[in-house]
Amino acid sequence: MHIPVSTESDTGHRPPASFAAPPAQGMAGPVTHATYGTALTEPGLGVHAAEVLRTNDMGGWTKAAPLLYPHQWSWDSAFVSIGWAQVDVRRAMTEQQRLFEAQWRDGMVPQIVFNPLAGPESYFPDPARWAVEVSPEAPVGVAETSGICQPPVHAIAVARIWEVASGTAAEEDVRAQLRELFPKLLAWHRYLAEHRDPSASGLVTTYHPWEGIDNSPRWDGVLARLEVGEVPPYTRRDVQHVADAGQRPTNAHYDRFLWLLELLKRYRYDDAVIHERYPFLVKDVFFTSVLIMANRALLEIADVVGATQAQRATIQGWIDRARAGVAAATDPASGMTYDVDLGADAPIEVATFAGMSALLDADAPSARRARARSLFDSEDFAGHPDLRWAMLPSTSPREECFDPRNYWRGPVWPIVNWLYWKGLQDGGDTARAAALREASLDSLRHVGFAEYFDPMTGEALGSAMQSWTAAVALDWLAS
């Protein structure tokens, strides 16, 4: 579906000329990885990024990708809104409003809101496999959803939308939308602070690898301990939409993912029961650090909507507690921040991008940020001499489990680098942020809008025409 790029008269924000819609005859068909075999110019990058969003637009919400991901994913949608803000700021707000229509009664924003037009054969697991109707907290009378969540990028996106809308003809419309959305964002963050951290450790508990970082080696030890019971038969759809199944999680991973799903259904997605009986409970330092960034953004939104002092104090309390939790999870010898495996009561000592999560907190103590910054640019990560671009890979090339082509076990993800770019920028490290932005844009000029890419060769991997990749390109170009 194609929508026109809006002008100042109907959105209050005129997109840069580089983001204007290309002439119809210029589009030769769907964009694939091969389209970007040679480097695009910067205007061309913006044109194609906007076209990816228009192509994946479903009239109020955006597919994560044309084929592999035909539904609305939670944190994808947040990044997508950041991109839409540079094209149509009102449409950016609509993206979040549509997502939050499917918010659960307890405040959780689900990982997936299913597209009813896509059909059960379009993606697995489908709504029937999730069966969220077993939970009294699941929404009724709206689109079907999954039963887990993803990192809370939403307030970060909404604050960015407000930044773009301020001083334009759309400002008051967006302010009114913010007033409607603020209580829902507050409920979402409260869910994470309370339901996902009942011990008040400051760290959010992840229930499933699908809550953001699918087959990361961060989960290997927990999954290896898992005693897999009877999993109903299934057919994977994901491997049908990539050139090489080796770019995706293994069947052994999927068996474990689906057994965990069976357990979640057995426990009716009840957080209290899950914390008591469930075998996959990990205190997630990356998820928590994104929540810190999101709560800082929520304080900005609170100022815009005139939130109460009590609401502001609650949000600040969440920040303080999470910051202390991340500090406690940081290894004093290496400076790496590690997830905590609650089943083993031990840190998960594997070197991934999550280890530098202190950089996502602009107000973290300067010494902690400096150590994380040193790790970021070390040969374990963005300073590795074999990298095509000086960007953060998902897993350190020096880890034995590193696989440059397999999903979260090595490839570079542009959206992760966007979060670290923002963390560096907000924390005052503007020179390093600028260098990361330039490396990221250069990679996208060559790779295009792939889901992820090989950090050594720059080969595009995963899904093509990935909405969130296009979205961060638009934001980087506007910055």
Protein backbone atom coordinates (compact mmCIF):
# COMPACT_ATOMS: atom_id res chain seq x y z
CA MET A 1 0.00 0.00 0.00
CA HIS A 2 1.38 3.41 -0.96
CA ILE A 3 0.57 6.63 0.84
CA PRO A 4 1.74 10.07 -0.26
CA VAL A 5 4.48 11.74 1.71
CA SER A 6 2.74 14.51 3.60
CA THR A 7 3.50 18.19 3.29
CA GLU A 8 3.52 20.96 5.87
CA SER A 9 -0.07 21.86 5.09
CA ASP A 10 -1.43 18.51 6.35
CA THR A 11 1.10 17.38 8.95
CA GLY A 12 2.83 20.47 10.21
CA HIS A 13 6.19 18.92 9.39
CA ARG A 14 7.73 19.09 5.96
CA PRO A 15 10.04 16.13 5.36
CA PRO A 16 13.53 16.81 4.03
CA ALA A 17 13.72 16.82 0.26
CA SER A 18 15.69 13.58 0.35
CA PHE A 19 12.65 11.82 1.81
CA ALA A 20 10.22 12.88 -0.90
CA ALA A 21 8.37 10.15 -2.72
CA PRO A 22 10.19 8.87 -5.79
CA PRO A 23 8.39 9.01 -9.12
CA ALA A 24 6.33 5.89 -9.80
CA GLN A 25 8.40 4.93 -12.83
CA GLY A 26 11.50 4.89 -10.63
CA MET A 27 10.31 1.88 -8.66
CA ALA A 28 11.12 -1.29 -10.54
CA GLY A 29 9.47 -3.62 -8.03
CA PRO A 30 10.04 -4.82 -4.49
CA VAL A 31 13.38 -3.92 -2.97
CA THR A 32 15.61 -6.94 -2.30
CA HIS A 33 19.05 -7.28 -0.76
CA ALA A 34 20.59 -7.30 -4.24
CA THR A 35 19.20 -3.84 -5.03
CA TYR A 36 21.99 -2.21 -3.04
CA GLY A 37 25.00 -3.91 -4.55
CA THR A 38 26.58 -0.49 -5.06
CA ALA A 39 26.46 2.37 -2.61
CA LEU A 40 23.43 4.65 -2.62
CA THR A 41 23.85 8.38 -2.34
CA GLU A 42 22.45 9.93 0.82
CA PRO A 43 19.35 11.38 -0.92
CA GLY A 44 18.75 7.98 -2.50
CA LEU A 45 18.96 6.29 0.88
CA GLY A 46 16.26 8.57 2.28
CA VAL A 47 14.02 8.06 -0.74
CA HIS A 48 14.20 4.30 -0.50
CA ALA A 49 13.81 4.27 3.30
CA ALA A 50 10.57 6.25 3.05
CA GLU A 51 9.39 3.91 0.29
CA VAL A 52 9.98 0.87 2.53
CA LEU A 53 7.67 2.37 5.16
CA ARG A 54 5.04 3.19 2.57
CA THR A 55 5.26 -0.30 1.07
CA ASN A 56 4.83 -1.95 4.47
CA ASP A 57 2.12 0.46 5.65
CA MET A 58 -1.19 -1.22 6.39
CA GLY A 59 -3.23 1.93 6.90
CA GLY A 60 -2.51 2.92 10.52
CA TRP A 61 0.10 0.33 11.40
CA THR A 62 3.20 -1.01 9.65
CA LYS A 63 4.28 -4.56 8.91
CA ALA A 64 7.76 -5.36 10.17
CA ALA A 65 8.62 -6.74 6.71
CA PRO A 66 6.66 -7.71 3.58
CA LEU A 67 6.85 -11.51 3.89
CA LEU A 68 8.78 -12.83 6.89
CA TYR A 69 7.03 -10.55 9.39
CA PRO A 70 3.50 -9.71 8.19
CA HIS A 71 2.19 -8.49 11.59
CA GLN A 72 2.77 -5.56 13.96
CA TRP A 73 5.69 -6.29 16.28
CA SER A 74 5.94 -4.23 19.45
CA TRP A 75 9.47 -2.84 19.46
CA ASP A 76 9.56 -2.83 15.65
CA SER A 77 6.53 -0.56 15.79
CA ALA A 78 8.29 1.83 18.13
CA PHE A 79 11.28 2.16 15.81
CA VAL A 80 8.92 2.46 12.84
CA SER A 81 7.27 5.45 14.53
CA ILE A 82 10.65 7.13 14.82
CA GLY A 83 11.03 6.79 11.06
CA TRP A 84 7.47 7.87 10.27
CA ALA A 85 8.09 11.05 12.28
CA GLN A 86 10.43 12.19 9.50
CA VAL A 87 7.78 11.56 6.84
CA ASP A 88 4.40 12.24 8.50
CA VAL A 89 4.43 13.11 12.19
CA ARG A 90 0.72 12.43 12.68
CA ARG A 91 1.08 9.03 11.06
CA ALA A 92 3.90 8.32 13.52
CA MET A 93 1.54 8.86 16.45
CA THR A 94 -1.13 6.70 14.84
CA GLU A 95 1.34 3.81 14.76
CA GLN A 96 1.65 3.88 18.55
CA GLN A 97 -2.04 4.48 19.15
CA ARG A 98 -2.90 1.39 17.11
CA LEU A 99 -0.35 -0.73 18.96
CA PHE A 100 -1.62 0.34 22.39
CA GLU A 101 -5.18 -0.58 21.45
CA ALA A 102 -4.02 -4.17 22.05
CA GLN A 103 -2.49 -3.44 25.48
CA TRP A 104 -3.33 -6.07 28.09
CA ARG A 105 -5.36 -5.18 31.18
CA ASP A 106 -2.30 -5.48 33.41
CA GLY A 107 -0.42 -2.96 31.23
CA MET A 108 1.66 -5.34 29.14
CA VAL A 109 2.20 -4.35 25.52
CA PRO A 110 2.26 -7.64 23.58
CA GLN A 111 5.15 -8.73 21.40
CA ILE A 112 2.88 -9.25 18.36
CA VAL A 113 -0.47 -7.79 17.32
CA PHE A 114 -1.66 -10.12 14.59
CA ASN A 115 -2.81 -8.95 11.20
CA PRO A 116 -6.25 -10.54 10.65
CA LEU A 117 -5.79 -10.32 6.89
CA ALA A 118 -2.56 -12.33 6.86
CA GLY A 119 -4.03 -15.74 7.66
CA PRO A 120 -2.68 -18.47 9.98
CA GLU A 121 -0.33 -19.83 7.33
CA SER A 122 1.54 -16.53 7.00
CA TYR A 123 3.54 -16.79 10.22
CA PHE A 124 4.27 -19.30 12.95
CA PRO A 125 3.39 -19.38 15.78
CA ASP A 126 -0.07 -18.07 14.93
CA PRO A 127 -2.75 -16.81 17.36
CA ALA A 128 -4.13 -20.32 17.87
CA ARG A 129 -0.76 -21.52 19.14
CA TRP A 130 -0.52 -18.60 21.57
CA ALA A 131 -4.11 -19.10 22.86
CA VAL A 132 -3.90 -15.98 25.03
CA GLU A 133 -7.61 -16.20 25.79
CA VAL A 134 -6.61 -18.45 28.71
CA SER A 135 -5.43 -15.29 30.50
CA PRO A 136 -7.97 -12.93 32.10
CA GLU A 137 -5.51 -10.10 31.36
CA ALA A 138 -5.62 -10.55 27.57
CA PRO A 139 -7.55 -7.91 25.62
CA VAL A 140 -11.01 -8.71 24.29
CA GLY A 141 -12.63 -7.27 21.19
CA VAL A 142 -9.40 -6.13 19.53
CA ALA A 143 -6.83 -7.80 17.31
CA GLU A 144 -5.36 -11.08 18.54
CA THR A 145 -1.96 -10.95 20.22
CA SER A 146 0.92 -13.05 21.48
CA GLY A 147 1.39 -13.53 25.23
CA ILE A 148 4.83 -12.05 25.90
CA CYS A 149 6.44 -8.62 25.43
CA GLN A 150 9.53 -6.91 23.99
CA PRO A 151 11.90 -4.08 25.03
CA PRO A 152 9.99 -0.85 25.79
CA VAL A 153 11.23 1.49 23.07
CA HIS A 154 7.78 3.13 22.81
CA ALA A 155 8.26 6.14 25.11
CA ILE A 156 11.60 6.79 23.40
CA ALA A 157 9.76 6.88 20.08
CA VAL A 158 6.96 9.08 21.36
CA ALA A 159 9.41 11.59 22.82
CA ARG A 160 11.16 11.70 19.45
CA ILE A 161 7.83 12.28 17.69
CA TRP A 162 7.15 15.19 20.05
CA GLU A 163 10.58 16.64 19.32
CA VAL A 164 9.81 16.60 15.59
CA ALA A 165 6.26 17.98 16.02
CA SER A 166 7.21 20.83 18.35
CA GLY A 167 6.95 24.22 16.71
CA THR A 168 4.94 22.92 13.75
CA ALA A 169 1.27 23.09 12.82
CA ALA A 170 0.89 19.56 14.20
CA GLU A 171 2.10 20.44 17.69
CA GLU A 172 -1.25 20.78 19.44
CA ASP A 173 -2.69 17.70 17.75
CA VAL A 174 0.29 15.65 18.86
CA ARG A 175 0.10 17.11 22.38
CA ALA A 176 -3.52 15.96 22.60
CA GLN A 177 -2.51 12.50 21.43
CA LEU A 178 0.26 12.43 24.02
CA ARG A 179 -2.28 13.14 26.77
CA GLU A 180 -4.25 10.09 25.66
CA LEU A 181 -1.20 7.87 25.36
CA PHE A 182 0.64 8.90 28.54
CA PRO A 183 -1.49 6.81 30.97
CA LYS A 184 -1.00 3.76 28.74
CA LEU A 185 2.76 4.26 28.63
CA LEU A 186 2.78 4.70 32.40
CA ALA A 187 0.79 1.47 32.84
CA TRP A 188 3.21 -0.35 30.52
CA HIS A 189 6.24 0.77 32.51
CA ARG A 190 4.45 -0.04 35.79
CA TYR A 191 3.83 -3.57 34.52
CA LEU A 192 7.56 -4.02 33.86
CA ALA A 193 8.59 -2.49 37.18
CA GLU A 194 6.15 -4.55 39.25
CA HIS A 195 5.01 -7.71 37.44
CA ARG A 196 8.42 -8.38 35.86
CA ASP A 197 10.43 -7.50 38.96
CA PRO A 198 8.45 -8.67 42.00
CA SER A 199 11.62 -8.81 44.12
CA ALA A 200 12.37 -5.13 43.39
CA SER A 201 15.88 -6.01 42.20
CA GLY A 202 15.74 -3.25 39.60
CA LEU A 203 16.19 -5.74 36.75
CA VAL A 204 13.38 -6.80 34.43
CA THR A 205 12.80 -10.56 34.16
CA THR A 206 12.68 -11.99 30.65
CA TYR A 207 10.40 -15.02 30.18
CA HIS A 208 11.28 -16.09 26.67
CA PRO A 209 14.01 -15.66 24.02
CA TRP A 210 11.33 -14.17 21.77
CA GLU A 211 11.14 -11.17 24.08
CA GLY A 212 13.65 -9.44 21.84
CA ILE A 213 16.92 -11.31 21.30
CA ASP A 214 15.71 -14.75 20.08
CA ASN A 215 18.72 -17.08 19.73
CA SER A 216 21.36 -15.00 21.50
CA PRO A 217 24.06 -17.04 23.25
CA ARG A 218 22.93 -15.18 26.37
CA TRP A 219 20.21 -17.84 26.66
CA ASP A 220 22.21 -20.96 25.77
CA GLY A 221 22.83 -22.16 29.30
CA VAL A 222 19.21 -21.73 30.38
CA LEU A 223 17.92 -23.49 27.26
CA ALA A 224 20.43 -26.34 27.66
CA ARG A 225 19.02 -27.11 31.13
CA LEU A 226 15.46 -27.14 29.83
CA GLU A 227 13.70 -30.51 29.86
CA VAL A 228 11.55 -30.34 26.74
CA GLY A 229 8.19 -32.07 27.00
CA GLU A 230 5.73 -32.89 24.25
CA VAL A 231 5.52 -30.09 21.70
CA PRO A 232 2.55 -30.23 19.30
CA PRO A 233 3.61 -30.64 15.63
CA TYR A 234 4.53 -27.47 13.80
CA THR A 235 5.81 -26.15 10.50
CA ARG A 236 8.28 -23.29 10.57
CA ARG A 237 7.43 -20.43 8.18
CA ASP A 238 10.47 -18.25 8.88
CA VAL A 239 12.99 -20.36 6.96
CA GLN A 240 10.85 -20.10 3.81
CA HIS A 241 11.59 -16.38 3.51
CA VAL A 242 15.40 -16.31 3.79
CA ALA A 243 18.02 -17.47 1.32
CA ASP A 244 19.78 -19.67 3.85
CA ALA A 245 18.19 -21.36 6.88
CA GLY A 246 21.55 -20.95 8.62
CA GLN A 247 20.64 -17.28 9.12
CA ARG A 248 17.83 -18.31 11.48
CA PRO A 249 17.55 -20.15 14.83
CA THR A 250 17.97 -23.93 14.69
CA ASN A 251 15.16 -26.47 15.02
CA ALA A 252 16.58 -27.39 18.43
CA HIS A 253 16.10 -23.77 19.47
CA TYR A 254 12.54 -23.79 18.13
CA ASP A 255 11.63 -26.93 20.07
CA ARG A 256 12.70 -25.16 23.25
CA PHE A 257 11.00 -21.90 22.31
CA LEU A 258 7.73 -23.75 21.72
CA TRP A 259 7.96 -25.82 24.88
CA LEU A 260 8.31 -22.61 26.85
CA LEU A 261 5.20 -21.33 25.07
CA GLU A 262 3.31 -24.46 26.13
CA LEU A 263 4.32 -23.79 29.74
CA LEU A 264 3.23 -20.15 29.56
CA LYS A 265 -0.19 -21.27 28.38
CA ARG A 266 -0.34 -23.91 31.14
CA TYR A 267 0.30 -21.11 33.67
CA ARG A 268 -2.29 -18.88 31.95
CA TYR A 269 0.37 -16.20 31.42
CA ASP A 270 0.09 -15.41 35.14
CA ASP A 271 3.21 -13.51 36.23
CA ALA A 272 3.08 -14.71 39.83
CA VAL A 273 2.80 -18.35 38.82
CA ILE A 274 5.51 -17.92 36.17
CA HIS A 275 7.96 -16.52 38.71
CA GLU A 276 7.22 -19.44 41.01
CA ARG A 277 7.32 -22.40 38.60
CA TYR A 278 8.71 -21.47 35.21
CA PRO A 279 12.20 -22.64 34.06
CA PHE A 280 13.25 -19.64 31.93
CA LEU A 281 13.71 -16.62 34.20
CA VAL A 282 16.54 -14.25 33.33
CA LYS A 283 17.23 -10.81 34.75
CA ASP A 284 17.87 -8.98 31.48
CA VAL A 285 20.31 -6.06 31.66
CA PHE A 286 19.68 -4.88 28.11
CA PHE A 287 15.89 -4.86 28.50
CA THR A 288 16.33 -3.03 31.81
CA SER A 289 18.67 -0.44 30.31
CA VAL A 290 16.23 0.24 27.48
CA LEU A 291 13.60 0.75 30.20
CA ILE A 292 15.87 3.31 31.90
CA MET A 293 16.16 5.19 28.60
CA ALA A 294 12.40 4.87 28.12
CA ASN A 295 11.64 6.16 31.61
CA ARG A 296 13.86 9.18 30.99
CA ALA A 297 11.80 9.78 27.84
CA LEU A 298 8.59 9.28 29.84
CA LEU A 299 9.67 12.07 32.18
CA GLU A 300 10.01 14.34 29.15
CA ILE A 301 6.50 13.37 28.04
CA ALA A 302 5.25 13.94 31.59
CA ASP A 303 6.36 17.57 31.31
CA VAL A 304 4.48 17.97 28.02
CA VAL A 305 1.19 16.56 29.31
CA GLY A 306 1.31 18.12 32.78
CA ALA A 307 1.68 14.91 34.78
CA THR A 308 1.41 15.05 38.56
CA GLN A 309 4.41 15.26 40.84
CA ALA A 310 3.50 11.83 42.19
CA GLN A 311 3.67 10.35 38.68
CA ARG A 312 7.04 11.99 38.06
CA ALA A 313 8.35 10.70 41.39
CA THR A 314 7.20 7.17 40.53
CA ILE A 315 9.00 7.25 37.18
CA GLN A 316 12.18 8.62 38.78
CA GLY A 317 12.00 5.88 41.39
CA TRP A 318 11.88 3.26 38.64
CA ILE A 319 14.95 4.82 37.04
CA ASP A 320 16.91 4.87 40.29
CA ARG A 321 16.05 1.28 41.13
CA ALA A 322 16.91 0.02 37.65
CA ARG A 323 20.20 1.93 37.62
CA ALA A 324 21.17 0.28 40.88
CA GLY A 325 20.19 -3.12 39.47
CA VAL A 326 22.36 -2.67 36.38
CA ALA A 327 25.27 -1.50 38.55
CA ALA A 328 24.95 -4.61 40.73
CA ALA A 329 25.03 -6.81 37.58
CA THR A 330 28.29 -5.25 36.36
CA ASP A 331 31.44 -7.30 36.81
CA PRO A 332 34.02 -5.11 38.61
CA ALA A 333 36.96 -6.88 36.97
CA SER A 334 35.92 -6.70 33.31
CA GLY A 335 33.41 -3.86 33.39
CA MET A 336 30.93 -6.05 31.49
CA THR A 337 27.31 -6.07 32.60
CA TYR A 338 25.83 -9.56 32.63
CA ASP A 339 22.32 -10.97 32.73
CA VAL A 340 21.46 -13.08 35.77
CA ASP A 341 20.16 -16.63 35.34
CA LEU A 342 17.69 -16.97 38.22
CA GLY A 343 17.53 -20.74 37.82
CA ALA A 344 21.26 -21.07 38.46
CA ASP A 345 21.53 -17.91 40.58
CA ALA A 346 24.55 -16.89 38.52
CA PRO A 347 25.62 -14.29 35.98
CA ILE A 348 25.53 -15.28 32.30
CA GLU A 349 29.12 -14.49 31.35
CA VAL A 350 29.01 -14.25 27.58
CA ALA A 351 30.22 -11.17 25.69
CA THR A 352 27.37 -9.64 23.73
CA PHE A 353 26.20 -6.10 23.02
CA ALA A 354 24.19 -6.25 26.26
CA GLY A 355 27.43 -6.06 28.23
CA MET A 356 27.75 -2.34 27.52
CA SER A 357 24.21 -1.46 28.59
CA ALA A 358 25.50 1.31 30.85
CA LEU A 359 25.86 3.40 27.68
CA LEU A 360 22.07 3.38 27.27
CA ASP A 361 21.72 5.31 30.54
CA ALA A 362 22.82 8.88 29.90
CA ASP A 363 22.89 9.64 33.64
CA ALA A 364 24.82 6.57 34.76
CA PRO A 365 27.98 7.40 36.74
CA SER A 366 30.69 8.67 34.40
CA ALA A 367 33.21 6.01 35.46
CA ARG A 368 30.77 3.22 34.58
CA ARG A 369 29.99 4.80 31.22
CA ALA A 370 33.70 5.25 30.51
CA ARG A 371 34.39 1.56 31.11
CA ALA A 372 31.48 0.57 28.88
CA ARG A 373 32.72 2.99 26.21
CA SER A 374 36.18 1.40 26.36
CA LEU A 375 34.64 -2.05 25.89
CA PHE A 376 32.51 -0.76 23.02
CA ASP A 377 35.59 0.29 21.03
CA SER A 378 37.78 -2.62 22.08
CA GLU A 379 38.76 -5.43 19.72
CA ASP A 380 36.11 -7.52 21.45
CA PHE A 381 33.43 -5.41 19.78
CA ALA A 382 33.35 -2.39 17.45
CA GLY A 383 37.16 -2.14 17.38
CA HIS A 384 37.71 -5.64 16.03
CA PRO A 385 40.10 -5.30 13.05
CA ASP A 386 38.08 -7.59 10.75
CA LEU A 387 34.81 -5.67 10.95
CA ARG A 388 33.55 -4.11 7.71
CA TRP A 389 32.28 -1.09 9.66
CA ALA A 390 33.08 0.05 13.21
CA MET A 391 29.67 -0.94 14.53
CA LEU A 392 28.53 -3.08 17.43
CA PRO A 393 28.03 -6.77 16.54
CA SER A 394 25.40 -8.73 18.44
CA THR A 395 28.01 -11.12 19.87
CA SER A 396 31.73 -10.53 20.31
CA PRO A 397 33.82 -11.95 17.43
CA ARG A 398 36.11 -13.34 20.10
CA GLU A 399 33.43 -15.58 21.60
CA GLU A 400 33.59 -19.25 20.55
CA CYS A 401 29.87 -19.16 19.82
CA PHE A 402 30.26 -16.21 17.41
CA ASP A 403 28.55 -16.85 14.06
CA PRO A 404 28.66 -13.85 11.71
CA ARG A 405 25.62 -15.00 9.71
CA ASN A 406 23.26 -16.34 12.37
CA TYR A 407 20.66 -13.94 13.71
CA TRP A 408 21.68 -12.69 17.19
CA ARG A 409 24.86 -14.77 17.42
CA GLY A 410 27.11 -12.36 15.54
CA PRO A 411 25.46 -10.14 12.91
CA VAL A 412 25.17 -6.38 13.20
CA TRP A 413 21.64 -5.08 13.83
CA PRO A 414 21.17 -1.41 12.85
CA ILE A 415 18.44 -0.88 15.45
CA VAL A 416 20.76 -1.92 18.28
CA ASN A 417 23.38 0.49 17.00
CA TRP A 418 20.71 3.22 16.89
CA LEU A 419 20.02 2.68 20.61
CA TYR A 420 23.71 2.88 21.45
CA TRP A 421 24.08 5.94 19.21
CA LYS A 422 21.29 7.62 21.16
CA GLY A 423 22.84 6.59 24.46
CA LEU A 424 26.19 8.04 23.44
CA GLN A 425 24.56 11.22 22.15
CA ASP A 426 22.38 11.74 25.22
CA GLY A 427 25.35 11.04 27.49
CA GLY A 428 27.42 13.79 25.89
CA ASP A 429 29.80 11.59 23.89
CA THR A 430 28.86 13.40 20.71
CA ALA A 431 32.04 12.65 18.76
CA ARG A 432 31.69 8.88 19.20
CA ALA A 433 27.96 9.12 18.49
CA ALA A 434 28.67 10.99 15.25
CA ALA A 435 31.20 8.37 14.17
CA LEU A 436 28.74 5.55 14.88
CA ARG A 437 26.02 7.37 12.95
CA GLU A 438 28.31 7.82 9.95
CA ALA A 439 29.45 4.19 9.99
CA SER A 440 25.83 3.06 10.27
CA LEU A 441 24.67 5.20 7.37
CA ASP A 442 27.58 4.03 5.24
CA SER A 443 26.65 0.42 5.97
CA LEU A 444 23.04 1.06 4.95
CA ARG A 445 24.13 2.75 1.72
CA HIS A 446 25.79 -0.54 0.77
CA VAL A 447 23.62 -3.11 2.50
CA GLY A 448 20.19 -1.54 2.12
CA PHE A 449 17.43 -2.13 4.63
CA ALA A 450 18.24 -5.67 5.62
CA GLU A 451 17.15 -7.01 8.99
CA TYR A 452 20.81 -7.58 9.94
CA PHE A 453 24.14 -8.13 8.17
CA ASP A 454 27.42 -10.00 8.38
CA PRO A 455 29.79 -7.79 10.42
CA MET A 456 32.86 -8.96 8.52
CA THR A 457 31.70 -8.95 4.89
CA GLY A 458 28.75 -6.58 5.04
CA GLU A 459 26.50 -9.17 3.37
CA ALA A 460 22.79 -8.41 3.87
CA LEU A 461 21.04 -11.14 5.86
CA GLY A 462 17.58 -12.00 7.12
CA SER A 463 14.55 -10.21 5.75
CA ALA A 464 14.79 -7.52 3.09
CA MET A 465 12.80 -4.27 3.25
CA GLN A 466 12.82 -4.38 7.05
CA SER A 467 10.74 -1.47 8.34
CA TRP A 468 12.73 -0.71 11.47
CA THR A 469 16.01 -0.60 9.54
CA ALA A 470 14.51 1.92 7.13
CA ALA A 471 13.14 3.88 10.08
CA VAL A 472 16.48 4.32 11.85
CA ALA A 473 18.03 5.33 8.53
CA LEU A 474 15.47 8.15 8.25
CA ASP A 475 16.18 9.30 11.78
CA TRP A 476 19.95 9.20 11.32
CA LEU A 477 19.62 11.20 8.10
CA ALA A 478 17.46 13.79 9.86
CA SER A 479 19.93 14.01 12.73
